Each structure stands twice: as structure tokens, then as C-alpha cells.
Amino acid sequence: MNEFFPGQSVTYREHSGKVNFIDNDYITITIKEYCIPSEDAQYCKRNCAQVNLLVFRNYWHEVLDNEK
């Protein structure tokens, strides 16, 4: 797969998630998103945190579109 768009539902190996960022050399896939506890949120820019998986271009052929 070589065409991606933000929010696209994909699977890379055993990890499923949504495309978060696209660059010429890599993409990131958000595989988990969770809310930060309120006592810690005051020190954060966002109320939610993300776990992102970085996939370099030479592995894009292993990324599967979940919509197909």
C-alpha cells in the first residue's frame, strides 16, 4: 500500500489503528489513545495521550487497508 490519508483504518502486522501522520519517509499509526487522569492533565497540552507506531516507507507494502 502506498496511498494513505489521515484517519485511515489500517493494520500493520498485528497492530491495528488509524493513520496519524504521513511523511515521505514514514507514517505513524495510532494504536492506542487514552485519557490522562485529571490530576496529571493540568501539566499536559491535551487531555488524551496516544501510542503511535512508526512505519518506514520500505515496510509500507505490509500495511493493510481495513476498509478493503
N, C-alpha and C. Protein backbone atom coordinates (compact mmCIF):
# COMPACT_ATOMS: atom_id res chain seq x y z
N MET A 1 0.84 -1.17 0.00
CA MET A 1 0.00 0.00 0.00
C MET A 1 0.89 1.24 0.00
N ASN A 2 0.59 2.20 -0.86
CA ASN A 2 1.41 3.41 -0.95
C ASN A 2 0.63 4.70 -0.80
N GLU A 3 -0.69 4.62 -0.79
CA GLU A 3 -1.52 5.81 -0.65
C GLU A 3 -2.18 5.81 0.73
N PHE A 4 -1.93 6.83 1.51
CA PHE A 4 -2.51 6.93 2.85
C PHE A 4 -3.20 8.27 3.03
N PHE A 5 -4.13 8.33 3.99
CA PHE A 5 -4.76 9.60 4.36
C PHE A 5 -4.98 9.59 5.87
N PRO A 6 -4.96 10.75 6.51
CA PRO A 6 -5.14 10.81 7.96
C PRO A 6 -6.49 10.21 8.37
N GLY A 7 -6.47 9.41 9.42
CA GLY A 7 -7.68 8.79 9.92
C GLY A 7 -8.01 7.45 9.28
N GLN A 8 -7.25 7.06 8.28
CA GLN A 8 -7.47 5.79 7.58
C GLN A 8 -7.25 4.62 8.54
N SER A 9 -8.17 3.67 8.56
CA SER A 9 -8.07 2.49 9.40
C SER A 9 -7.18 1.45 8.71
N VAL A 10 -6.07 1.09 9.37
CA VAL A 10 -5.09 0.19 8.77
C VAL A 10 -4.61 -0.84 9.79
N THR A 11 -3.95 -1.88 9.28
CA THR A 11 -3.30 -2.88 10.11
C THR A 11 -1.88 -3.07 9.61
N TYR A 12 -0.93 -3.04 10.54
CA TYR A 12 0.47 -3.34 10.23
C TYR A 12 0.89 -4.48 11.14
N ARG A 13 1.14 -5.61 10.52
CA ARG A 13 1.45 -6.83 11.27
C ARG A 13 0.30 -7.11 12.24
N GLU A 14 0.55 -7.19 13.55
CA GLU A 14 -0.54 -7.49 14.48
C GLU A 14 -1.16 -6.24 15.09
N HIS A 15 -0.78 -5.05 14.62
CA HIS A 15 -1.26 -3.80 15.20
C HIS A 15 -2.27 -3.11 14.27
N SER A 16 -3.45 -2.84 14.81
CA SER A 16 -4.46 -2.10 14.06
C SER A 16 -4.62 -0.71 14.66
N GLY A 17 -4.91 0.26 13.80
CA GLY A 17 -5.10 1.62 14.26
C GLY A 17 -5.44 2.54 13.12
N LYS A 18 -5.25 3.84 13.34
CA LYS A 18 -5.57 4.85 12.34
C LYS A 18 -4.31 5.64 11.98
N VAL A 19 -4.18 5.94 10.70
CA VAL A 19 -3.04 6.74 10.23
C VAL A 19 -3.12 8.12 10.88
N ASN A 20 -2.04 8.52 11.50
CA ASN A 20 -1.99 9.79 12.23
C ASN A 20 -1.17 10.84 11.48
N PHE A 21 -0.02 10.45 10.97
CA PHE A 21 0.89 11.40 10.32
C PHE A 21 1.50 10.73 9.09
N ILE A 22 1.67 11.52 8.03
CA ILE A 22 2.21 11.00 6.78
C ILE A 22 3.39 11.87 6.36
N ASP A 23 4.51 11.23 6.10
CA ASP A 23 5.72 11.90 5.62
C ASP A 23 6.19 11.14 4.39
N ASN A 24 7.13 11.69 3.67
CA ASN A 24 7.67 10.98 2.50
C ASN A 24 8.42 9.71 2.90
N ASP A 25 8.99 9.69 4.10
CA ASP A 25 9.81 8.56 4.53
C ASP A 25 9.12 7.60 5.49
N TYR A 26 8.04 8.04 6.15
CA TYR A 26 7.38 7.19 7.13
C TYR A 26 5.94 7.65 7.38
N ILE A 27 5.15 6.77 8.01
CA ILE A 27 3.84 7.14 8.53
C ILE A 27 3.81 6.76 10.01
N THR A 28 2.90 7.37 10.75
CA THR A 28 2.64 6.90 12.11
C THR A 28 1.21 6.40 12.17
N ILE A 29 1.03 5.33 12.92
CA ILE A 29 -0.29 4.72 13.12
C ILE A 29 -0.60 4.78 14.61
N THR A 30 -1.72 5.42 14.97
CA THR A 30 -2.14 5.48 16.37
C THR A 30 -2.79 4.15 16.72
N ILE A 31 -2.15 3.42 17.64
CA ILE A 31 -2.67 2.10 18.01
C ILE A 31 -3.39 2.11 19.36
N LYS A 32 -3.24 3.20 20.12
CA LYS A 32 -3.97 3.34 21.37
C LYS A 32 -4.09 4.81 21.71
N GLU A 33 -5.25 5.17 22.27
CA GLU A 33 -5.48 6.54 22.72
C GLU A 33 -6.22 6.44 24.05
N TYR A 34 -5.77 7.19 25.04
CA TYR A 34 -6.40 7.12 26.36
C TYR A 34 -6.40 8.50 27.01
N CYS A 35 -7.35 8.70 27.91
CA CYS A 35 -7.47 9.96 28.63
C CYS A 35 -6.48 9.99 29.78
N ILE A 36 -5.93 11.17 30.00
CA ILE A 36 -4.97 11.38 31.07
C ILE A 36 -5.76 11.67 32.35
N PRO A 37 -5.37 11.09 33.49
CA PRO A 37 -6.06 11.38 34.75
C PRO A 37 -6.06 12.88 35.03
N SER A 38 -7.15 13.37 35.60
CA SER A 38 -7.32 14.81 35.80
C SER A 38 -6.20 15.45 36.61
N GLU A 39 -5.63 14.73 37.57
CA GLU A 39 -4.54 15.31 38.37
C GLU A 39 -3.27 15.53 37.56
N ASP A 40 -3.10 14.78 36.46
CA ASP A 40 -1.94 14.97 35.58
C ASP A 40 -2.25 15.88 34.40
N ALA A 41 -3.51 16.01 34.07
CA ALA A 41 -3.93 16.77 32.89
C ALA A 41 -3.54 18.25 32.98
N GLN A 42 -3.44 18.78 34.17
CA GLN A 42 -3.10 20.19 34.31
C GLN A 42 -1.70 20.50 33.78
N TYR A 43 -0.85 19.49 33.65
CA TYR A 43 0.51 19.68 33.16
C TYR A 43 0.66 19.33 31.69
N CYS A 44 -0.43 18.96 31.05
CA CYS A 44 -0.38 18.47 29.67
C CYS A 44 -1.08 19.43 28.71
N LYS A 45 -0.65 19.42 27.46
CA LYS A 45 -1.28 20.23 26.42
C LYS A 45 -2.64 19.67 26.02
N ARG A 46 -2.77 18.33 26.07
CA ARG A 46 -4.00 17.66 25.67
C ARG A 46 -4.53 16.81 26.82
N ASN A 47 -5.81 16.48 26.75
CA ASN A 47 -6.42 15.62 27.77
C ASN A 47 -6.25 14.15 27.45
N CYS A 48 -5.78 13.85 26.25
CA CYS A 48 -5.60 12.46 25.83
C CYS A 48 -4.15 12.23 25.40
N ALA A 49 -3.72 11.00 25.57
CA ALA A 49 -2.37 10.60 25.13
C ALA A 49 -2.52 9.53 24.05
N GLN A 50 -1.49 9.41 23.22
CA GLN A 50 -1.52 8.44 22.12
C GLN A 50 -0.27 7.56 22.15
N VAL A 51 -0.47 6.34 21.68
CA VAL A 51 0.65 5.43 21.41
C VAL A 51 0.69 5.31 19.89
N ASN A 52 1.80 5.72 19.29
CA ASN A 52 1.94 5.71 17.83
C ASN A 52 3.04 4.75 17.40
N LEU A 53 2.76 4.06 16.32
CA LEU A 53 3.71 3.13 15.73
C LEU A 53 4.28 3.77 14.46
N LEU A 54 5.59 3.84 14.35
CA LEU A 54 6.24 4.43 13.19
C LEU A 54 6.55 3.33 12.18
N VAL A 55 6.13 3.54 10.93
CA VAL A 55 6.37 2.55 9.88
C VAL A 55 7.12 3.24 8.74
N PHE A 56 8.34 2.81 8.50
CA PHE A 56 9.14 3.40 7.43
C PHE A 56 8.65 2.96 6.06
N ARG A 57 8.94 3.77 5.06
CA ARG A 57 8.47 3.56 3.69
C ARG A 57 8.76 2.15 3.16
N ASN A 58 9.91 1.60 3.48
CA ASN A 58 10.25 0.28 2.94
C ASN A 58 9.40 -0.84 3.53
N TYR A 59 8.51 -0.54 4.50
CA TYR A 59 7.57 -1.52 5.05
C TYR A 59 6.12 -1.20 4.71
N TRP A 60 5.88 -0.15 3.93
CA TRP A 60 4.51 0.24 3.60
C TRP A 60 3.75 -0.87 2.89
N HIS A 61 4.44 -1.74 2.17
CA HIS A 61 3.76 -2.83 1.47
C HIS A 61 3.11 -3.81 2.44
N GLU A 62 3.50 -3.76 3.73
CA GLU A 62 2.92 -4.64 4.73
C GLU A 62 1.69 -4.02 5.42
N VAL A 63 1.42 -2.74 5.15
CA VAL A 63 0.28 -2.06 5.76
C VAL A 63 -0.98 -2.40 4.96
N LEU A 64 -2.00 -2.90 5.65
CA LEU A 64 -3.24 -3.29 5.01
C LEU A 64 -4.34 -2.29 5.33
N ASP A 65 -5.14 -1.96 4.33
CA ASP A 65 -6.29 -1.06 4.50
C ASP A 65 -7.43 -1.88 5.08
N ASN A 66 -7.94 -1.51 6.24
CA ASN A 66 -9.03 -2.25 6.89
C ASN A 66 -10.38 -2.06 6.19
N GLU A 67 -10.47 -1.07 5.33
CA GLU A 67 -11.73 -0.79 4.64
C GLU A 67 -11.92 -1.67 3.41
N LYS A 68 -10.88 -2.35 2.96
CA LYS A 68 -10.99 -3.16 1.74
C LYS A 68 -11.21 -4.60 2.07
